[in-house]
Protein backbone atom coordinates (compact mmCIF):
# COMPACT_ATOMS: atom_id res chain seq x y z
CA UNK A 1 0.00 0.00 0.00
CA UNK A 2 1.54 3.31 -1.02
CA UNK A 3 1.55 6.46 1.09
CA UNK A 4 -1.39 8.11 -0.68
CA UNK A 5 -3.56 5.08 -0.03
CA UNK A 6 -2.42 5.03 3.58
CA UNK A 7 -3.50 8.64 4.00
CA UNK A 8 -6.82 7.92 2.33
CA UNK A 9 -7.49 5.00 4.65
CA UNK A 10 -6.55 7.14 7.63
CA UNK A 11 -9.12 9.74 6.66
CA UNK A 12 -11.81 7.13 6.05
CA UNK A 13 -11.09 5.48 9.39
CA UNK A 14 -11.61 8.75 11.23
CA UNK A 15 -14.88 9.43 9.40
CA UNK A 16 -16.17 5.93 10.06
CA UNK A 17 -15.44 5.62 13.77
CA UNK A 18 -18.67 7.24 14.86
CA UNK A 19 -20.76 4.72 12.97
CA UNK A 20 -18.57 1.87 14.16
CA UNK A 21 -18.96 2.89 17.78
CA UNK A 22 -22.71 2.50 17.41
CA UNK A 23 -22.91 -0.62 15.28
CA UNK A 24 -19.61 -2.38 15.83
CA UNK A 25 -19.90 -3.73 19.38
CA UNK A 26 -20.34 -7.41 18.68
CA UNK A 27 -22.95 -9.43 20.48
CA UNK A 28 -21.40 -12.14 22.64
CA UNK A 29 -23.29 -15.25 21.60
CA UNK A 30 -20.78 -17.72 23.05
CA UNK A 31 -21.25 -16.50 26.60
CA UNK A 32 -19.25 -18.07 29.41
CA UNK A 33 -18.28 -17.14 32.91
CA UNK A 34 -14.72 -15.93 33.52
CA UNK A 35 -12.41 -18.87 33.04
CA UNK A 36 -15.33 -21.19 32.21
CA UNK A 37 -15.84 -23.39 29.17
CA UNK A 38 -17.13 -21.78 25.97
CA UNK A 39 -19.64 -23.56 23.76
CA UNK A 40 -18.67 -22.82 20.19
CA UNK A 41 -20.48 -25.64 18.43
CA UNK A 42 -21.21 -24.65 14.86
CA UNK A 43 -19.10 -21.48 15.10
CA UNK A 44 -15.93 -20.44 13.30
CA UNK A 45 -13.39 -18.01 14.75
CA UNK A 46 -11.59 -15.94 12.11
CA UNK A 47 -7.97 -15.19 13.04
CA UNK A 48 -5.47 -12.94 11.23
CA UNK A 49 -1.76 -13.76 11.64
CA UNK A 50 1.47 -12.87 9.91
CA UNK A 51 2.62 -15.41 7.33
CA UNK A 52 5.76 -17.28 8.38
CA UNK A 53 7.40 -17.97 5.03
CA UNK A 54 10.73 -18.85 6.64
CA UNK A 55 9.24 -21.85 8.44
CA UNK A 56 6.19 -22.44 6.31
CA UNK A 57 5.80 -26.17 6.95
CA UNK A 58 6.23 -25.80 10.73
CA UNK A 59 3.76 -22.92 10.71
CA UNK A 60 1.19 -24.95 8.81
CA UNK A 61 1.60 -27.84 11.27
CA UNK A 62 1.25 -25.42 14.20
CA UNK A 63 -1.98 -24.01 12.75
CA UNK A 64 -3.37 -27.53 12.41
CA UNK A 65 -2.38 -28.35 16.00
CA UNK A 66 -3.97 -25.19 17.41
CA UNK A 67 -7.13 -25.70 15.39
CA UNK A 68 -7.48 -29.23 16.74
CA UNK A 69 -6.82 -28.13 20.33
CA UNK A 70 -9.29 -25.26 19.99
CA UNK A 71 -11.94 -27.56 18.50
CA UNK A 72 -11.47 -29.98 21.38
CA UNK A 73 -11.86 -27.22 23.99
CA UNK A 74 -14.69 -25.22 22.45
CA UNK A 75 -16.26 -27.20 19.63
CA UNK A 76 -15.52 -24.29 17.28
CA UNK A 77 -13.44 -24.22 14.11
CA UNK A 78 -10.58 -21.85 13.32
CA UNK A 79 -10.12 -19.97 10.06
CA UNK A 80 -6.67 -18.47 9.55
CA UNK A 81 -6.00 -15.44 7.36
CA UNK A 82 -2.47 -14.13 6.83
CA UNK A 83 -0.70 -10.89 5.96
CA UNK A 84 2.66 -10.76 4.20
CA UNK A 85 4.26 -7.50 5.35
CA UNK A 86 3.76 -4.27 7.30
CA UNK A 87 1.83 -2.57 4.48
CA UNK A 88 -0.49 -5.56 4.22
CA UNK A 89 -0.92 -5.61 8.00
CA UNK A 90 -1.89 -1.94 8.21
CA UNK A 91 -4.21 -2.24 5.22
CA UNK A 92 -6.07 -5.19 6.75
CA UNK A 93 -6.57 -3.36 10.05
CA UNK A 94 -7.85 -0.22 8.35
CA UNK A 95 -10.16 -1.88 5.82
CA UNK A 96 -11.74 -4.09 8.50
CA UNK A 97 -12.30 -1.08 10.74
CA UNK A 98 -14.01 0.81 7.95
CA UNK A 99 -16.19 -2.16 6.99
CA UNK A 100 -16.96 -3.18 10.57
CA UNK A 101 -16.32 -6.79 9.66
CA UNK A 102 -13.39 -9.12 9.18
CA UNK A 103 -11.25 -11.24 11.50
CA UNK A 104 -12.35 -11.77 15.10
CA UNK A 105 -8.78 -11.83 16.42
CA UNK A 106 -5.70 -10.11 15.00
CA UNK A 107 -2.10 -10.99 15.82
CA UNK A 108 -0.47 -7.58 15.26
CA UNK A 109 3.10 -6.48 15.68
CA UNK A 110 3.61 -4.48 18.85
CA UNK A 111 4.38 -1.33 16.87
CA UNK A 112 0.95 -1.54 15.22
CA UNK A 113 -0.90 -1.87 18.53
CA UNK A 114 -1.17 1.96 18.92
CA UNK A 115 -2.74 2.11 15.45
CA UNK A 116 -5.24 -0.58 16.41
CA UNK A 117 -5.98 1.20 19.70
CA UNK A 118 -6.53 4.57 18.03
CA UNK A 119 -9.37 3.22 15.88
CA UNK A 120 -11.46 2.42 18.97
CA UNK A 121 -12.45 -0.72 17.07
CA UNK A 122 -10.88 -3.27 19.41
CA UNK A 123 -11.98 -4.56 22.80
CA UNK A 124 -10.47 -2.88 25.84
CA UNK A 125 -9.52 -5.46 28.42
CA UNK A 126 -11.20 -4.86 31.76
CA UNK A 127 -10.71 -7.25 34.70
CA UNK A 128 -13.43 -9.61 33.45
CA UNK A 129 -11.87 -9.86 29.99
CA UNK A 130 -8.40 -10.40 31.46
CA UNK A 131 -9.83 -13.21 33.60
CA UNK A 132 -11.25 -14.86 30.49
CA UNK A 133 -7.78 -15.08 28.93
CA UNK A 134 -6.18 -16.44 32.09
CA UNK A 135 -5.45 -13.26 34.05
CA UNK A 136 -3.20 -10.28 33.43
CA UNK A 137 -0.72 -11.53 36.02
CA UNK A 138 0.15 -14.60 33.92
CA UNK A 139 2.27 -12.39 31.62
CA UNK A 140 5.85 -11.15 31.86
CA UNK A 141 5.33 -7.52 33.00
CA UNK A 142 7.66 -6.02 30.37
CA UNK A 143 5.63 -7.56 27.55
CA UNK A 144 2.60 -5.54 28.63
CA UNK A 145 4.48 -2.30 27.97
CA UNK A 146 2.73 -1.60 24.67
CA UNK A 147 -0.66 -3.24 25.30
CA UNK A 148 -2.22 0.21 25.61
CA UNK A 149 -1.44 3.79 26.64
CA UNK A 150 -1.87 2.76 30.29
CA UNK A 151 -3.00 -0.22 32.36
CA UNK A 152 -6.63 0.96 32.30
CA UNK A 153 -6.78 1.16 28.51
CA UNK A 154 -5.22 -2.00 27.12
CA UNK A 155 -6.28 -3.75 23.91
CA UNK A 156 -3.28 -5.98 23.25
CA UNK A 157 -2.59 -9.33 24.92
CA UNK A 158 1.10 -10.30 24.60
CA UNK A 159 1.58 -13.42 22.47
CA UNK A 160 5.29 -13.45 21.58
CA UNK A 161 8.33 -11.46 22.70
CA UNK A 162 11.18 -10.66 20.32
CA UNK A 163 13.72 -8.27 21.83
CA UNK A 164 16.45 -7.44 19.35
CA UNK A 165 20.08 -8.45 19.78
CA UNK A 166 23.02 -9.27 17.55
CA UNK A 167 24.48 -12.72 16.95
CA UNK A 168 28.22 -13.11 16.55
CA UNK A 169 30.48 -15.91 15.33
CA UNK A 170 32.64 -16.76 18.34
CA UNK A 171 35.15 -18.64 16.21
CA UNK A 172 35.73 -15.70 13.86
CA UNK A 173 35.95 -13.33 16.82
CA UNK A 174 38.61 -15.51 18.45
CA UNK A 175 40.62 -15.71 15.21
CA UNK A 176 40.55 -11.89 15.01
CA UNK A 177 41.69 -11.55 18.63
CA UNK A 178 38.33 -10.17 19.73
CA UNK A 179 36.51 -11.13 22.91
CA UNK A 180 32.96 -9.88 22.42
CA UNK A 181 31.01 -7.22 20.48
CA UNK A 182 31.57 -3.58 21.42
CA UNK A 183 28.97 -1.55 23.30
CA UNK A 184 29.19 1.48 20.97
CA UNK A 185 28.25 1.63 17.29
CA UNK A 186 31.64 3.10 16.41
CA UNK A 187 33.41 0.33 18.31
CA UNK A 188 31.28 -2.31 16.61
CA UNK A 189 32.12 -0.86 13.21
CA UNK A 190 35.84 -1.01 14.02
CA UNK A 191 35.40 -4.68 14.87
CA UNK A 192 33.43 -5.29 11.68
CA UNK A 193 36.27 -3.79 9.62
CA UNK A 194 38.74 -6.12 11.30
CA UNK A 195 36.46 -9.10 10.68
CA UNK A 196 35.92 -8.28 7.00
CA UNK A 197 38.45 -10.37 5.11
CA UNK A 198 38.25 -12.01 1.70
CA UNK A 199 34.73 -13.27 1.17
CA UNK A 200 33.78 -12.87 4.85
CA UNK A 201 32.05 -9.67 5.97
CA UNK A 202 31.69 -8.07 9.38
CA UNK A 203 27.92 -7.46 9.31
CA UNK A 204 24.93 -9.29 7.88
CA UNK A 205 21.72 -7.28 7.55
CA UNK A 206 18.85 -7.06 5.07
CA UNK A 207 18.33 -3.67 3.45
CA UNK A 208 15.26 -4.96 1.58
CA UNK A 209 13.53 -6.44 4.62
CA UNK A 210 9.92 -5.34 5.16
CA UNK A 211 10.19 -4.89 8.92
CA UNK A 212 13.73 -4.23 10.18
CA UNK A 213 15.54 -1.29 8.49
CA UNK A 214 13.60 1.49 10.24
CA UNK A 215 14.54 0.02 13.64
CA UNK A 216 18.19 1.03 13.15
CA UNK A 217 17.18 4.67 12.63
CA UNK A 218 14.76 4.57 15.59
CA UNK A 219 17.35 2.99 17.90
CA UNK A 220 20.22 5.30 17.04
CA UNK A 221 17.99 8.41 17.14
CA UNK A 222 16.67 7.51 20.60
CA UNK A 223 20.20 6.86 21.80
CA UNK A 224 21.05 10.38 20.61
CA UNK A 225 18.08 11.89 22.49
CA UNK A 226 15.52 12.07 19.68
CA UNK A 227 12.38 9.92 20.24
CA UNK A 228 11.12 10.77 16.70
CA UNK A 229 7.77 11.86 18.16
CA UNK A 230 7.62 14.65 20.75
CA UNK A 231 4.02 15.03 21.82
CA UNK A 232 2.19 16.22 18.70
CA UNK A 233 5.40 16.99 16.82
CA UNK A 234 7.31 14.68 14.49
CA UNK A 235 11.11 14.84 14.68
CA UNK A 236 12.06 12.78 11.66
CA UNK A 237 13.87 15.53 9.76
CA UNK A 238 16.57 15.83 12.42
CA UNK A 239 20.40 15.63 12.45
CA UNK A 240 20.29 12.54 14.71
CA UNK A 241 18.07 10.71 12.23
CA UNK A 242 20.24 11.81 9.30
CA UNK A 243 23.32 10.49 11.13
CA UNK A 244 21.53 7.19 11.81
CA UNK A 245 20.68 6.59 8.15
CA UNK A 246 24.13 7.68 7.02
CA UNK A 247 25.67 5.19 9.43
CA UNK A 248 23.35 2.38 8.34
CA UNK A 249 23.89 3.03 4.63
CA UNK A 250 27.60 3.66 5.14
CA UNK A 251 28.24 0.11 6.33
CA UNK A 252 27.44 -0.99 2.79
CA UNK A 253 28.69 1.92 0.67
CA UNK A 254 31.59 3.49 2.54
CA UNK A 255 32.85 1.02 5.13
CA UNK A 256 32.39 -2.08 2.93
CA UNK A 257 31.62 -4.32 5.92
CA UNK A 258 28.40 -5.71 4.42
CA UNK A 259 28.11 -7.99 1.40
CA UNK A 260 27.03 -5.79 -1.58
CA UNK A 261 24.27 -8.33 -2.28
CA UNK A 262 22.62 -7.30 1.01
CA UNK A 263 20.97 -4.37 -0.77
CA UNK A 264 18.47 -6.94 -2.02
CA UNK A 265 18.34 -9.17 1.06
CA UNK A 266 15.58 -9.64 3.57
CA UNK A 267 16.41 -10.78 7.10
CA UNK A 268 15.99 -14.44 6.21
CA UNK A 269 18.72 -14.13 3.60
CA UNK A 270 20.95 -12.19 6.00
CA UNK A 271 20.48 -14.90 8.63
CA UNK A 272 21.35 -17.56 6.05
CA UNK A 273 24.58 -15.70 5.26
CA UNK A 274 25.52 -15.63 8.94
CA UNK A 275 24.47 -19.27 9.39
CA UNK A 276 26.82 -20.25 6.56
CA UNK A 277 29.74 -18.56 8.35
CA UNK A 278 30.07 -15.88 5.67
CA UNK A 279 29.56 -12.95 8.04
CA UNK A 280 30.82 -12.39 11.56
CA UNK A 281 27.74 -10.67 12.99
CA UNK A 282 24.02 -10.73 12.28
CA UNK A 283 22.52 -7.42 13.35
CA UNK A 284 19.02 -6.76 14.69
CA UNK A 285 18.04 -10.39 15.12
CA UNK A 286 15.91 -12.12 17.74
CA UNK A 287 15.66 -15.39 19.64
CA UNK A 288 13.71 -16.84 16.73
CA UNK A 289 17.01 -17.05 14.80
CA UNK A 290 18.24 -19.72 17.23
CA UNK A 291 16.21 -22.40 15.47
CA UNK A 292 17.95 -21.54 12.19
CA UNK A 293 21.46 -21.17 13.61
CA UNK A 294 21.32 -24.39 15.59
CA UNK A 295 20.56 -26.28 12.40
CA UNK A 296 23.45 -24.69 10.49
CA UNK A 297 27.21 -24.61 10.15
CA UNK A 298 27.53 -22.14 13.05
CA UNK A 299 25.93 -24.42 15.64
CA UNK A 300 28.07 -24.21 18.76
CA UNK A 301 30.08 -21.38 17.22
CA UNK A 302 27.87 -18.38 17.89
CA UNK A 303 26.49 -16.34 20.76
CA UNK A 304 24.10 -13.45 21.29
CA UNK A 305 24.97 -10.01 22.62
CA UNK A 306 23.08 -6.83 23.42
CA UNK A 307 23.37 -4.39 20.55
CA UNK A 308 25.29 -1.13 21.11
CA UNK A 309 23.51 1.41 23.29
CA UNK A 310 25.81 4.37 22.46
CA UNK A 311 24.95 6.24 19.23
CA UNK A 312 27.26 6.68 16.23
CA UNK A 313 29.91 9.33 16.67
CA UNK A 314 29.88 9.03 20.46
CA UNK A 315 32.18 7.21 22.89
CA UNK A 316 29.62 7.30 25.69
CA UNK A 317 25.90 7.97 26.08
CA UNK A 318 25.23 11.68 25.42
CA UNK A 319 23.21 13.88 27.76
CA UNK A 320 19.53 13.36 27.02
CA UNK A 321 20.14 10.11 25.17
CA UNK A 322 18.51 6.85 26.15
CA UNK A 323 20.61 3.65 26.28
CA UNK A 324 18.00 1.57 24.47
CA UNK A 325 18.99 -1.68 22.77
CA UNK A 326 15.65 -2.64 21.23
CA UNK A 327 12.07 -1.68 20.70
CA UNK A 328 9.55 -3.60 22.81
CA UNK A 329 8.97 -6.12 20.08
CA UNK A 330 6.77 -9.10 19.43
CA UNK A 331 3.13 -9.77 18.70
CA UNK A 332 -0.05 -8.77 20.52
CA UNK A 333 -3.47 -10.34 20.13
CA UNK A 334 -6.40 -7.92 19.76
CA UNK A 335 -10.12 -8.68 19.57
CA UNK A 336 -12.41 -6.79 17.20
CA UNK A 337 -15.33 -4.97 18.82
CA UNK A 338 -17.52 -5.94 15.88
CA UNK A 339 -16.89 -9.63 16.57
CA UNK A 340 -19.89 -11.69 17.59
CA UNK A 341 -17.52 -14.32 19.02
CA UNK A 342 -15.71 -12.42 21.75
CA UNK A 343 -15.84 -15.24 24.30
CA UNK A 344 -14.49 -17.63 21.70
CA UNK A 345 -11.78 -15.08 20.96
CA UNK A 346 -10.88 -15.00 24.66
CA UNK A 347 -10.74 -18.80 24.73
CA UNK A 348 -8.40 -18.78 21.72
CA UNK A 349 -6.10 -16.24 23.39
CA UNK A 350 -6.15 -18.23 26.64
CA UNK A 351 -5.05 -21.32 24.71
CA UNK A 352 -2.24 -19.53 22.83
CA UNK A 353 -0.86 -17.91 25.99
CA UNK A 354 -1.03 -21.03 28.15
CA UNK A 355 2.23 -22.37 29.56
CA UNK A 356 2.32 -25.51 27.40
CA UNK A 357 1.47 -23.77 24.13
CA UNK A 358 3.95 -20.97 24.76
CA UNK A 359 6.75 -23.47 25.36
CA UNK A 360 5.71 -25.40 22.26
CA UNK A 361 5.74 -22.22 20.14
CA UNK A 362 9.20 -21.37 21.46
CA UNK A 363 10.53 -24.79 20.46
CA UNK A 364 9.09 -24.47 16.97
CA UNK A 365 9.91 -20.84 16.18
CA UNK A 366 12.25 -19.54 18.88
CA UNK A 367 10.16 -16.53 19.96
CA UNK A 368 10.29 -15.96 23.72
CA UNK A 369 7.14 -16.72 25.73
CA UNK A 370 5.06 -13.94 27.23
CA UNK A 371 3.58 -16.33 29.77
CA UNK A 372 5.72 -15.71 32.87
CA UNK A 373 5.92 -19.36 33.97
CA UNK A 374 6.80 -20.53 30.46
CA UNK A 375 9.36 -17.73 30.06
CA UNK A 376 11.17 -18.72 33.25
CA UNK A 377 11.33 -22.37 32.19
CA UNK A 378 12.71 -21.46 28.77
CA UNK A 379 15.30 -19.08 30.25
CA UNK A 380 16.40 -21.52 32.95
CA UNK A 381 16.86 -24.26 30.37
CA UNK A 382 19.01 -22.17 28.01
CA UNK A 383 21.66 -19.79 29.45
CA UNK A 384 22.52 -18.61 25.92
CA UNK A 385 19.31 -16.55 25.99
CA UNK A 386 20.63 -14.36 28.82
CA UNK A 387 21.71 -11.47 26.51
CA UNK A 388 18.25 -11.50 24.92
CA UNK A 389 16.63 -11.21 28.35
CA UNK A 390 19.06 -8.39 29.12
CA UNK A 391 18.08 -6.63 25.90
CA UNK A 392 14.41 -6.91 26.87
CA UNK A 393 15.21 -5.01 30.07
CA UNK A 394 16.80 -2.20 27.98
CA UNK A 395 13.97 -2.11 25.44
CA UNK A 396 11.77 0.94 24.95
CA UNK A 397 8.29 1.24 23.55
CA UNK A 398 7.75 3.03 20.28
CA UNK A 399 5.54 6.14 20.61
CA UNK A 400 1.99 5.16 21.56
CA UNK A 401 0.12 7.12 18.92
CA UNK A 402 -2.28 6.06 16.21
CA UNK A 403 0.05 7.80 13.78
CA UNK A 404 2.93 5.43 14.46
CA UNK A 405 1.97 2.91 11.78
CA UNK A 406 2.23 5.63 9.12
CA UNK A 407 5.45 7.00 10.65
CA UNK A 408 6.99 3.52 10.67
CA UNK A 409 6.17 3.11 6.99
CA UNK A 410 7.60 6.58 6.24
CA UNK A 411 10.87 5.55 7.91
CA UNK A 412 10.88 2.33 5.89
CA UNK A 413 10.27 4.26 2.67
CA UNK A 414 13.49 6.22 3.25
CA UNK A 415 15.36 2.93 2.83
CA UNK A 416 13.19 1.76 -0.07
CA UNK A 417 13.86 5.00 -1.95
CA UNK A 418 17.59 4.76 -1.26
CA UNK A 419 18.05 1.19 -2.45
CA UNK A 420 18.76 2.02 -6.13
CA UNK A 421 21.52 4.41 -5.03
CA UNK A 422 22.76 1.87 -2.47
CA UNK A 423 23.10 -0.63 -5.28
CA UNK A 424 25.15 1.91 -7.23
CA UNK A 425 27.50 2.49 -4.31
CA UNK A 426 26.42 5.72 -2.60
CA UNK A 427 23.51 7.77 -1.29
CA UNK A 428 24.16 11.50 -1.40
CA UNK A 429 23.41 13.67 1.60
CA UNK A 430 21.14 15.84 -0.52
CA UNK A 431 19.08 12.84 -1.60
CA UNK A 432 18.83 11.54 1.94
CA UNK A 433 17.80 14.94 3.29
CA UNK A 434 15.08 15.17 0.65
CA UNK A 435 13.77 11.74 1.65
CA UNK A 436 13.76 12.71 5.33
CA UNK A 437 11.92 15.95 4.53
CA UNK A 438 9.24 13.92 2.77
CA UNK A 439 9.07 11.46 5.67
CA UNK A 440 8.79 14.40 8.10
CA UNK A 441 5.89 15.86 6.13
CA UNK A 442 4.05 12.53 6.04
CA UNK A 443 4.73 11.83 9.72
CA UNK A 444 3.51 15.26 10.82
CA UNK A 445 0.37 14.97 8.71
CA UNK A 446 -0.41 11.63 10.31
CA UNK A 447 0.16 13.04 13.79
CA UNK A 448 -2.13 15.96 12.99
CA UNK A 449 -4.88 13.59 11.86
CA UNK A 450 -4.45 11.49 14.99
CA UNK A 451 -4.68 14.61 17.19
CA UNK A 452 -7.76 15.86 15.34
CA UNK A 453 -9.58 12.57 15.89
CA UNK A 454 -9.37 12.80 19.69
């Protein structure tokens, strides 16, 4: 979905909310007491999830397993719909809100939870609703950080946790006389230069990935003291953001520490490069990569580390900067207000966030559990996850505004627009400034619309 269509949908959503508030509150025809059994005989629950193309067969088997378990518990069937990328995800949310119909339950990325919340089209979880999904206290507290603007206005139930870290090849580090990754971006770049030899590169990252590139700019900008959104003001066209993109692009064009082919890579391809031992570090990865790495040539030869928390050009954290290592990342489950199967939706969420199912999902896909008991068992069983847990403690929520989905896409578009120049070896400062000015204009317009809708 291009930017003009995004803006159009935003306007339509705002116009349609009044009608939705009247007609969209779904009748609960699967009524059950808190924590009690739900009778879903003859019903079908429609669920939207992100497509897992990297582990397609495992994902298909998991869907079958969950559908069977859900049928056994409730008597109801499951219908899965999927989205392919962030544009697709945002489009599905917006079109369903406008129509007042669509999936009953959405698995949305944490950064899209503010967008979902802003539509007023999803169920706010009061104590009764939390009880129906097993209780708010069953979750790791940090994973609730972007469930809503505050604890009294939450729409998102944490399903998976994916704090970002880097993976590094311990064997290549040892050969280069290095102990562990540096804690500053400048220091990490120096290491990457030392580790780039012959056909081996220091960094693996995917410049064509649908989800990750903007996170580098967000992280570095926050570390420099710029949260990108300051109240009702966008701060995208800012020297800290310019520096972040120049650093990110420079790894490929100026520093030569990334394989030139990475201009066309997504994260799956970058992970495959690291797994083959062709790069020394995989940047901005998560615990889900463990499944891939443990089945590859780097098994037993890699470790995770917290990503640098000191911004480019600095030797220590600057005044006003935040030492963040990751966004609060993962997936939340939200329930549509228009759904006529809200108790079934709660039963589905309760199943997915149960201890056994969370551990099973972790084994299949590597994502950390949000269920506190399951999370502790997974962490205790695998000390290698310690840096990922540490990164979660240093994570920061993206701005909780309905405009964030558009802003995130604007940040992504800066990279999309730069890719032809990246492929040719350089991105000029003038070109990058023009892209940031456009992103600033789009971000501010989205913030203005979000403010006007309140």
